[in-house]
C-alpha atoms as a PDB file:
ATOM      1  CA  MET A   1       1.893 -14.537  11.955  1.00  0.00           C
ATOM      2  CA  THR A   2      -1.808 -13.146  11.279  1.00  0.00           C
ATOM      3  CA  PRO A   3      -2.504 -12.803   7.484  1.00  0.00           C
ATOM      4  CA  ARG A   4      -3.059  -9.202   6.148  1.00  0.00           C
ATOM      5  CA  THR A   5      -6.528  -8.733   4.435  1.00  0.00           C
ATOM      6  CA  SER A   6      -6.243  -8.384   0.538  1.00  0.00           C
ATOM      7  CA  ALA A   7      -9.733  -7.037  -0.767  1.00  0.00           C
ATOM      8  CA  PRO A   8     -10.620  -5.863  -4.312  1.00  0.00           C
ATOM      9  CA  LEU A   9     -10.960  -1.850  -4.780  1.00  0.00           C
ATOM     10  CA  ARG A  10     -14.372  -0.817  -3.791  1.00  0.00           C
ATOM     11  CA  ALA A  11     -14.790   2.751  -4.461  1.00  0.00           C
ATOM     12  CA  ALA A  12     -12.765   3.768  -7.292  1.00  0.00           C
ATOM     13  CA  ALA A  13     -14.040   0.638  -9.173  1.00  0.00           C
ATOM     14  CA  VAL A  14     -17.568   1.911  -9.571  1.00  0.00           C
ATOM     15  CA  LEU A  15     -17.808   1.273 -13.039  1.00  0.00           C
ATOM     16  CA  LEU A  16     -20.004   2.881 -15.382  1.00  0.00           C
ATOM     17  CA  LEU A  17     -20.669  -0.873 -16.927  1.00  0.00           C
ATOM     18  CA  PRO A  18     -22.777  -2.827 -15.228  1.00  0.00           C
ATOM     19  CA  LEU A  19     -20.926  -6.111 -15.225  1.00  0.00           C
ATOM     20  CA  ALA A  20     -18.064  -4.542 -13.981  1.00  0.00           C
ATOM     21  CA  LEU A  21     -19.654  -4.217 -10.611  1.00  0.00           C
ATOM     22  CA  THR A  22     -18.709  -7.558  -9.684  1.00  0.00           C
ATOM     23  CA  ALA A  23     -16.632  -7.762  -6.830  1.00  0.00           C
ATOM     24  CA  CYS A  24     -13.200  -9.726  -7.155  1.00  0.00           C
ATOM     25  CA  SER A  25     -12.702 -12.376  -4.556  1.00  0.00           C
ATOM     26  CA  SER A  26     -10.264 -11.587  -1.769  1.00  0.00           C
ATOM     27  CA  ALA A  27      -6.867 -13.114  -0.866  1.00  0.00           C
ATOM     28  CA  LYS A  28      -4.768 -13.648   1.987  1.00  0.00           C
ATOM     29  CA  ASP A  29      -1.281 -12.197   1.515  1.00  0.00           C
ATOM     30  CA  SER A  30       1.792 -10.863   3.013  1.00  0.00           C
ATOM     31  CA  ALA A  31       4.041  -8.432   1.334  1.00  0.00           C
ATOM     32  CA  ALA A  32       6.714  -3.581   2.849  1.00  0.00           C
ATOM     33  CA  GLY A  33      15.616  -0.780   7.185  1.00  0.00           C
ATOM     34  CA  THR A  34      17.157   2.049   6.798  1.00  0.00           C
ATOM     35  CA  GLY A  35      19.187   3.491   3.916  1.00  0.00           C
ATOM     36  CA  PRO A  36      19.767   5.963   1.055  1.00  0.00           C
ATOM     37  CA  ALA A  37      16.408   7.759  -0.202  1.00  0.00           C
ATOM     38  CA  VAL A  38      14.226   6.415  -3.231  1.00  0.00           C
ATOM     39  CA  THR A  39      13.615   8.955  -6.036  1.00  0.00           C
ATOM     40  CA  ALA A  40      10.488   8.331  -8.100  1.00  0.00           C
ATOM     41  CA  THR A  41      10.822   8.193 -11.734  1.00  0.00           C
ATOM     42  CA  THR A  42       8.138   9.211 -14.471  1.00  0.00           C
ATOM     43  CA  PRO A  43       6.328   6.051 -15.562  1.00  0.00           C
ATOM     44  CA  SER A  44       7.036   4.265 -18.912  1.00  0.00           C
ATOM     45  CA  SER A  45       5.588   1.532 -20.269  1.00  0.00           C
ATOM     46  CA  GLY A  46       8.785  -0.004 -20.942  1.00  0.00           C
ATOM     47  CA  ALA A  47      10.155  -0.602 -17.422  1.00  0.00           C
ATOM     48  CA  THR A  48      10.731  -3.865 -16.104  1.00  0.00           C
ATOM     49  CA  THR A  49      11.257  -4.888 -12.550  1.00  0.00           C
ATOM     50  CA  SER A  50      14.364  -6.132 -10.858  1.00  0.00           C
ATOM     51  CA  PRO A  51      14.693 -10.034 -10.272  1.00  0.00           C
ATOM     52  CA  ALA A  52      13.932 -11.624  -7.023  1.00  0.00           C
ATOM     53  CA  THR A  53      16.672 -11.476  -4.346  1.00  0.00           C
ATOM     54  CA  THR A  54      17.091 -13.359  -1.165  1.00  0.00           C
ATOM     55  CA  ALA A  55      16.940 -11.423   2.107  1.00  0.00           C
ATOM     56  CA  PRO A  56      20.005 -11.696   3.729  1.00  0.00           C
ATOM     57  CA  ALA A  57      19.572 -13.018   7.504  1.00  0.00           C
ATOM     58  CA  ALA A  58      19.426 -10.609  10.330  1.00  0.00           C
ATOM     59  CA  PRO A  59      21.297 -10.901  13.603  1.00  0.00           C
ATOM     60  CA  ALA A  60      19.116 -11.889  16.128  1.00  0.00           C
ATOM     61  CA  ASP A  61      19.702  -8.220  18.240  1.00  0.00           C
ATOM     62  CA  THR A  62      18.350  -6.290  15.329  1.00  0.00           C
ATOM     63  CA  ASP A  63      14.786  -7.716  16.051  1.00  0.00           C
ATOM     64  CA  ALA A  64      14.725  -5.690  19.339  1.00  0.00           C
ATOM     65  CA  ARG A  65      14.562  -2.530  17.173  1.00  0.00           C
ATOM     66  CA  LEU A  66      11.647  -3.548  15.122  1.00  0.00           C
ATOM     67  CA  LEU A  67       7.952  -2.694  16.249  1.00  0.00           C
ATOM     68  CA  THR A  68       5.948  -5.514  16.552  1.00  0.00           C
ATOM     69  CA  GLY A  69       2.114  -5.537  15.105  1.00  0.00           C
ATOM     70  CA  ASP A  70       0.719  -4.198  18.439  1.00  0.00           C
ATOM     71  CA  LYS A  71       2.690  -0.978  18.300  1.00  0.00           C
ATOM     72  CA  LEU A  72       2.096  -0.280  14.771  1.00  0.00           C
ATOM     73  CA  ARG A  73      -1.605  -0.493  15.180  1.00  0.00           C
ATOM     74  CA  ALA A  74      -1.266   2.230  17.397  1.00  0.00           C
ATOM     75  CA  VAL A  75       0.302   4.552  14.938  1.00  0.00           C
ATOM     76  CA  LEU A  76      -2.829   4.314  12.501  1.00  0.00           C
ATOM     77  CA  LEU A  77      -5.364   6.787  11.866  1.00  0.00           C
ATOM     78  CA  ARG A  78      -8.518   6.973  13.979  1.00  0.00           C
ATOM     79  CA  GLY A  79     -11.484   7.463  12.127  1.00  0.00           C
ATOM     80  CA  ASP A  80     -12.257  11.006  13.625  1.00  0.00           C
ATOM     81  CA  VAL A  81      -9.562  12.021  11.144  1.00  0.00           C
ATOM     82  CA  LEU A  82     -11.200  10.990   8.374  1.00  0.00           C
ATOM     83  CA  PRO A  83     -14.037  12.904   6.536  1.00  0.00           C
ATOM     84  CA  LYS A  84     -17.742  12.465   8.294  1.00  0.00           C
ATOM     85  CA  GLY A  85     -19.173   9.356   7.540  1.00  0.00           C
ATOM     86  CA  TYR A  86     -16.512   6.690   7.443  1.00  0.00           C
ATOM     87  CA  LYS A  87     -16.729   3.518   9.645  1.00  0.00           C
ATOM     88  CA  ALA A  88     -14.079   0.962  10.355  1.00  0.00           C
ATOM     89  CA  ASP A  89     -14.457  -2.126   8.310  1.00  0.00           C
ATOM     90  CA  ALA A  90     -13.523  -5.029  10.831  1.00  0.00           C
ATOM     91  CA  ASP A  91     -13.031  -7.327   7.896  1.00  0.00           C
ATOM     92  CA  GLY A  92      -9.711  -5.097   7.032  1.00  0.00           C
ATOM     93  CA  THR A  93      -8.663  -4.086  10.367  1.00  0.00           C
ATOM     94  CA  ARG A  94      -5.530  -6.527  11.953  1.00  0.00           C
ATOM     95  CA  ASP A  95      -2.139  -6.620  12.784  1.00  0.00           C
ATOM     96  CA  SER A  96       0.506  -9.433  13.450  1.00  0.00           C
ATOM     97  CA  GLY A  97       0.325  -9.239  17.358  1.00  0.00           C
ATOM     98  CA  LEU A  98       3.335  -9.601  19.404  1.00  0.00           C
ATOM     99  CA  ASP A  99       5.182 -11.953  17.412  1.00  0.00           C
ATOM    100  CA  LEU A 100       7.636 -11.370  14.233  1.00  0.00           C
ATOM    101  CA  ALA A 101       7.595 -13.395  11.151  1.00  0.00           C
ATOM    102  CA  PRO A 102      10.544 -15.296  10.676  1.00  0.00           C
ATOM    103  CA  VAL A 103      13.370 -14.272   8.001  1.00  0.00           C
ATOM    104  CA  ALA A 104      12.117 -15.203   4.521  1.00  0.00           C
ATOM    105  CA  LYS A 105      13.096 -15.155   1.098  1.00  0.00           C
ATOM    106  CA  ASP A 106      11.806 -12.430  -0.875  1.00  0.00           C
ATOM    107  CA  GLY A 107       9.373 -12.993  -3.620  1.00  0.00           C
ATOM    108  CA  ALA A 108       8.862 -11.997  -7.366  1.00  0.00           C
ATOM    109  CA  ALA A 109       7.119  -8.512  -8.084  1.00  0.00           C
ATOM    110  CA  GLY A 110       3.122  -9.003  -8.007  1.00  0.00           C
ATOM    111  CA  ALA A 111       0.706  -8.416 -10.950  1.00  0.00           C
ATOM    112  CA  CYS A 112      -0.585  -4.528 -11.645  1.00  0.00           C
ATOM    113  CA  GLY A 113      -3.728  -5.596 -10.770  1.00  0.00           C
ATOM    114  CA  ALA A 114      -2.790  -5.896  -6.880  1.00  0.00           C
ATOM    115  CA  LEU A 115      -2.427  -1.863  -6.860  1.00  0.00           C
ATOM    116  CA  GLU A 116      -6.297  -2.098  -6.990  1.00  0.00           C
ATOM    117  CA  GLN A 117      -6.782  -3.940  -3.776  1.00  0.00           C
ATOM    118  CA  THR A 118      -5.925  -3.528  -0.199  1.00  0.00           C
ATOM    119  CA  GLY A 119      -2.602  -4.733   1.090  1.00  0.00           C
ATOM    120  CA  TRP A 120      -1.177  -3.638  -2.293  1.00  0.00           C
ATOM    121  CA  ILE A 121       2.270  -3.393  -0.879  1.00  0.00           C
ATOM    122  CA  ARG A 122       2.646  -7.157  -1.746  1.00  0.00           C
ATOM    123  CA  ILE A 123       3.184  -6.080  -5.138  1.00  0.00           C
ATOM    124  CA  SER A 124       6.876  -5.442  -3.931  1.00  0.00           C
ATOM    125  CA  GLY A 125       7.358  -9.248  -3.144  1.00  0.00           C
ATOM    126  CA  ILE A 126       9.328  -7.887  -0.035  1.00  0.00           C
ATOM    127  CA  GLU A 127       8.400 -10.130   3.263  1.00  0.00           C
ATOM    128  CA  SER A 128       7.762  -7.931   6.376  1.00  0.00           C
ATOM    129  CA  ALA A 129       8.582  -8.744   9.935  1.00  0.00           C
ATOM    130  CA  SER A 130       5.224  -7.364  11.215  1.00  0.00           C
ATOM    131  CA  PHE A 131       2.449  -5.193   9.984  1.00  0.00           C
ATOM    132  CA  ALA A 132      -0.945  -3.343  11.172  1.00  0.00           C
ATOM    133  CA  GLN A 133      -3.526  -2.461   8.815  1.00  0.00           C
ATOM    134  CA  GLY A 134      -6.971  -0.942   8.951  1.00  0.00           C
ATOM    135  CA  ASP A 135      -9.882  -0.113   6.771  1.00  0.00           C
ATOM    136  CA  PHE A 136     -12.358   2.383   6.761  1.00  0.00           C
ATOM    137  CA  LEU A 137     -15.513   2.738   4.439  1.00  0.00           C
ATOM    138  CA  ASN A 138     -18.559   5.180   4.128  1.00  0.00           C
ATOM    139  CA  ALA A 139     -22.318   4.833   2.598  1.00  0.00           C
ATOM    140  CA  LYS A 140     -20.945   5.201  -0.806  1.00  0.00           C
ATOM    141  CA  ARG A 141     -18.191   2.220  -0.578  1.00  0.00           C
ATOM    142  CA  GLU A 142     -15.663   4.715  -0.693  1.00  0.00           C
ATOM    143  CA  GLU A 143     -12.663   3.448   0.958  1.00  0.00           C
ATOM    144  CA  PHE A 144      -9.668   4.711   2.913  1.00  0.00           C
ATOM    145  CA  THR A 145      -7.079   1.949   3.817  1.00  0.00           C
ATOM    146  CA  GLN A 146      -3.561   2.486   5.517  1.00  0.00           C
ATOM    147  CA  GLU A 147      -0.883  -0.042   6.572  1.00  0.00           C
ATOM    148  CA  VAL A 148       2.332  -0.137   8.076  1.00  0.00           C
ATOM    149  CA  ASP A 149       4.940  -2.882   7.515  1.00  0.00           C
ATOM    150  CA  THR A 150       8.445  -3.145   9.317  1.00  0.00           C
ATOM    151  CA  PHE A 151      11.510  -4.985   7.814  1.00  0.00           C
ATOM    152  CA  ARG A 152      14.586  -6.586   8.701  1.00  0.00           C
ATOM    153  CA  GLY A 153      18.089  -4.984   7.099  1.00  0.00           C
ATOM    154  CA  SER A 154      17.455  -3.074   4.063  1.00  0.00           C
ATOM    155  CA  GLY A 155      13.978  -4.535   3.205  1.00  0.00           C
ATOM    156  CA  ALA A 156      12.024  -1.040   3.454  1.00  0.00           C
ATOM    157  CA  VAL A 157      14.272   0.438   0.906  1.00  0.00           C
ATOM    158  CA  THR A 158      14.047  -2.399  -1.312  1.00  0.00           C
ATOM    159  CA  ALA A 159      10.137  -2.417  -0.904  1.00  0.00           C
ATOM    160  CA  MET A 160      10.018   1.255  -1.694  1.00  0.00           C
ATOM    161  CA  THR A 161      12.313   0.651  -4.899  1.00  0.00           C
ATOM    162  CA  ARG A 162      10.175  -2.095  -6.013  1.00  0.00           C
ATOM    163  CA  ILE A 163       7.142  -0.281  -5.214  1.00  0.00           C
ATOM    164  CA  GLN A 164       8.609   2.680  -7.538  1.00  0.00           C
ATOM    165  CA  GLN A 165       8.951   0.333 -10.295  1.00  0.00           C
ATOM    166  CA  ALA A 166       5.649  -1.223 -10.183  1.00  0.00           C
ATOM    167  CA  PHE A 167       4.144   2.228 -10.499  1.00  0.00           C
ATOM    168  CA  THR A 168       6.119   2.704 -14.049  1.00  0.00           C
ATOM    169  CA  ARG A 169       5.499  -0.940 -14.880  1.00  0.00           C
ATOM    170  CA  CYS A 170       1.933  -0.535 -14.805  1.00  0.00           C
ATOM    171  CA  ALA A 171       1.456   2.991 -16.100  1.00  0.00           C
ATOM    172  CA  HIS A 172      -0.746   1.338 -18.371  1.00  0.00           C
ATOM    173  CA  PHE A 173      -2.956  -2.047 -17.624  1.00  0.00           C
ATOM    174  CA  THR A 174      -5.901  -3.913 -18.110  1.00  0.00           C
ATOM    175  CA  ASP A 175      -7.918  -5.259 -15.141  1.00  0.00           C
ATOM    176  CA  SER A 176      -9.996  -8.122 -16.089  1.00  0.00           C
ATOM    177  CA  GLY A 177     -10.885  -9.320 -12.227  1.00  0.00           C
ATOM    178  CA  SER A 178     -14.519  -7.725 -12.660  1.00  0.00           C
ATOM    179  CA  GLY A 179     -15.317  -9.571 -15.554  1.00  0.00           C
ATOM    180  CA  SER A 180     -14.993  -7.098 -18.532  1.00  0.00           C
ATOM    181  CA  PRO A 181     -11.572  -5.763 -19.638  1.00  0.00           C
ATOM    182  CA  VAL A 182     -11.064  -2.227 -17.798  1.00  0.00           C
ATOM    183  CA  PRO A 183      -8.233  -0.165 -18.647  1.00  0.00           C
ATOM    184  CA  VAL A 184      -6.423   1.434 -15.914  1.00  0.00           C
ATOM    185  CA  LYS A 185      -3.954   4.461 -16.198  1.00  0.00           C
ATOM    186  CA  VAL A 186      -1.357   5.219 -13.192  1.00  0.00           C
ATOM    187  CA  LYS A 187       0.246   8.360 -12.993  1.00  0.00           C
ATOM    188  CA  SER A 188       3.120   8.417 -10.498  1.00  0.00           C
ATOM    189  CA  GLY A 189       5.843  10.633  -9.077  1.00  0.00           C
ATOM    190  CA  PRO A 190       7.502  11.738  -5.578  1.00  0.00           C
ATOM    191  CA  ILE A 191       5.793  13.837  -3.068  1.00  0.00           C
ATOM    192  CA  ALA A 192       7.111  17.369  -3.057  1.00  0.00           C
ATOM    193  CA  GLY A 193       9.331  17.962   0.163  1.00  0.00           C
ATOM    194  CA  SER A 194       9.845  14.247   0.837  1.00  0.00           C
ATOM    195  CA  ASN A 195      13.434  14.217  -0.056  1.00  0.00           C
ATOM    196  CA  GLY A 196      12.373  11.204  -1.858  1.00  0.00           C
ATOM    197  CA  GLN A 197      11.185   9.187   1.113  1.00  0.00           C
ATOM    198  CA  SER A 198       7.558   9.409  -0.165  1.00  0.00           C
ATOM    199  CA  ILE A 199       5.643   8.578  -3.674  1.00  0.00           C
ATOM    200  CA  LYS A 200       2.471   8.480  -4.844  1.00  0.00           C
ATOM    201  CA  ALA A 201       0.400   7.093  -7.896  1.00  0.00           C
ATOM    202  CA  VAL A 202      -3.513   8.267  -9.019  1.00  0.00           C
ATOM    203  CA  LEU A 203      -4.933   5.485 -10.842  1.00  0.00           C
ATOM    204  CA  THR A 204      -7.841   6.288 -13.245  1.00  0.00           C
ATOM    205  CA  SER A 205     -10.210   4.918 -15.838  1.00  0.00           C
ATOM    206  CA  ASP A 206     -12.565   6.220 -18.160  1.00  0.00           C
ATOM    207  CA  GLN A 207     -15.075   3.416 -16.982  1.00  0.00           C
ATOM    208  CA  TRP A 208     -14.782   4.607 -13.342  1.00  0.00           C
ATOM    209  CA  GLU A 209     -16.305   7.461 -11.555  1.00  0.00           C
ATOM    210  CA  GLY A 210     -13.424   8.942  -9.652  1.00  0.00           C
ATOM    211  CA  GLY A 211     -10.390   7.392  -8.986  1.00  0.00           C
ATOM    212  CA  THR A 212      -7.826   6.064  -6.395  1.00  0.00           C
ATOM    213  CA  THR A 213      -4.969   7.680  -4.960  1.00  0.00           C
ATOM    214  CA  LEU A 214      -2.043   5.341  -3.646  1.00  0.00           C
ATOM    215  CA  VAL A 215       0.949   6.902  -1.415  1.00  0.00           C
ATOM    216  CA  ALA A 216       4.084   4.665  -0.017  1.00  0.00           C
ATOM    217  CA  THR A 217       6.147   6.370   2.396  1.00  0.00           C
ATOM    218  CA  ARG A 218       9.322   4.964   4.278  1.00  0.00           C
ATOM    219  CA  VAL A 219      10.030   6.118   7.986  1.00  0.00           C
ATOM    220  CA  GLY A 220      13.287   4.288   8.929  1.00  0.00           C
ATOM    221  CA  ASN A 221      12.773   0.480   8.756  1.00  0.00           C
ATOM    222  CA  SER A 222       9.478   0.669   7.817  1.00  0.00           C
ATOM    223  CA  VAL A 223       6.945   1.400   5.141  1.00  0.00           C
ATOM    224  CA  ILE A 224       3.281   2.976   5.217  1.00  0.00           C
ATOM    225  CA  THR A 225       1.065   2.393   2.234  1.00  0.00           C
ATOM    226  CA  THR A 226      -2.156   3.815   1.793  1.00  0.00           C
ATOM    227  CA  PHE A 227      -5.047   4.239  -0.671  1.00  0.00           C
ATOM    228  CA  TYR A 228      -7.892   6.092  -0.862  1.00  0.00           C
ATOM    229  CA  ALA A 229     -10.790   5.481  -3.296  1.00  0.00           C
ATOM    230  CA  VAL A 230     -13.271   8.136  -4.062  1.00  0.00           C
ATOM    231  CA  GLN A 231     -16.118   8.821  -6.645  1.00  0.00           C
ATOM    232  CA  SER A 232     -15.198  12.276  -6.755  1.00  0.00           C
ATOM    233  CA  ALA A 233     -13.023  14.590  -9.057  1.00  0.00           C
ATOM    234  CA  ASP A 234     -10.102  14.910  -6.562  1.00  0.00           C
ATOM    235  CA  LEU A 235      -9.287  11.386  -7.212  1.00  0.00           C
ATOM    236  CA  GLY A 236      -8.580  10.781  -3.199  1.00  0.00           C
ATOM    237  CA  ALA A 237      -5.903  13.667  -3.306  1.00  0.00           C
ATOM    238  CA  ALA A 238      -6.569  13.834   0.674  1.00  0.00           C
ATOM    239  CA  ASP A 239      -4.542  10.640   0.660  1.00  0.00           C
ATOM    240  CA  VAL A 240      -1.302  12.518   1.146  1.00  0.00           C
ATOM    241  CA  ALA A 241      -2.161  14.490   4.459  1.00  0.00           C
ATOM    242  CA  PHE A 242      -3.453  11.324   5.719  1.00  0.00           C
ATOM    243  CA  THR A 243      -0.101   9.312   5.312  1.00  0.00           C
ATOM    244  CA  GLN A 244       1.738  12.315   6.469  1.00  0.00           C
ATOM    245  CA  LYS A 245      -0.082  11.990   9.794  1.00  0.00           C
ATOM    246  CA  ILE A 246       0.698   8.611   9.938  1.00  0.00           C
ATOM    247  CA  ALA A 247       4.356   8.940   9.384  1.00  0.00           C
ATOM    248  CA  LYS A 248       4.228  11.597  12.070  1.00  0.00           C
ATOM    249  CA  ASN A 249       2.766   9.016  14.399  1.00  0.00           C
ATOM    250  CA  LEU A 250       5.244   6.113  13.134  1.00  0.00           C
ATOM    251  CA  ALA A 251       8.157   8.526  13.464  1.00  0.00           C
ATOM    252  CA  ARG A 252       7.541   9.112  17.523  1.00  0.00           C
ATOM    253  CA  ALA A 253       7.014   5.366  17.875  1.00  0.00           C
ATOM    254  CA  GLN A 254      10.744   4.638  16.461  1.00  0.00           C
ATOM    255  CA  ARG A 255      12.311   6.778  18.845  1.00  0.00           C
END
């Protein structure tokens, strides 16, 4: 399977401290079934994550219901949906193609710093069968990233649960990836009207200009994850509407 791109958060981490402007190194990681809705909880610093579990082997005939990367790519937003000035970043735009990844064991939950990177769904530690992602930047290095992952069995539900747990666990963390410690706050909760299928988190820091909104939404056996990193006071609030558009596209593709 083509590896997803994982690059450091570029726009929200426009720091007031010069040393913190140094970019982190990028990595290639993979990470996001029908089931009950997930209800988000108010963040608390004392929360812990569930231990890693082993994904059950899925019958071969269930793979026929999984969308491959080329089909997932078609549900992603185009640049003309975003504010004027955003252009596609080729380095962060890819998909898993026509093939499905083999069944794999679930991994451990990722570190809080993953929330500041593209491909942040890997914080769940759940391996997907296929994915597609797209990345857009503007001249100010503000960034919108979208990813859709499809899972076997109950993987999508498990991924959403672990994302919720990560938002709670990471309510306050320190990012040292730029060379200087940067305290980050994460305020999370369910998205109104989503019946527990969508949760969001807003990342801020006293050392940032602006902030970042992250959204995770489950649609059947797939999970959409996005982040919108901006330097403005709205902290990327439009990310919710962008993700809802992707969800509608995905629901149509799954019919």
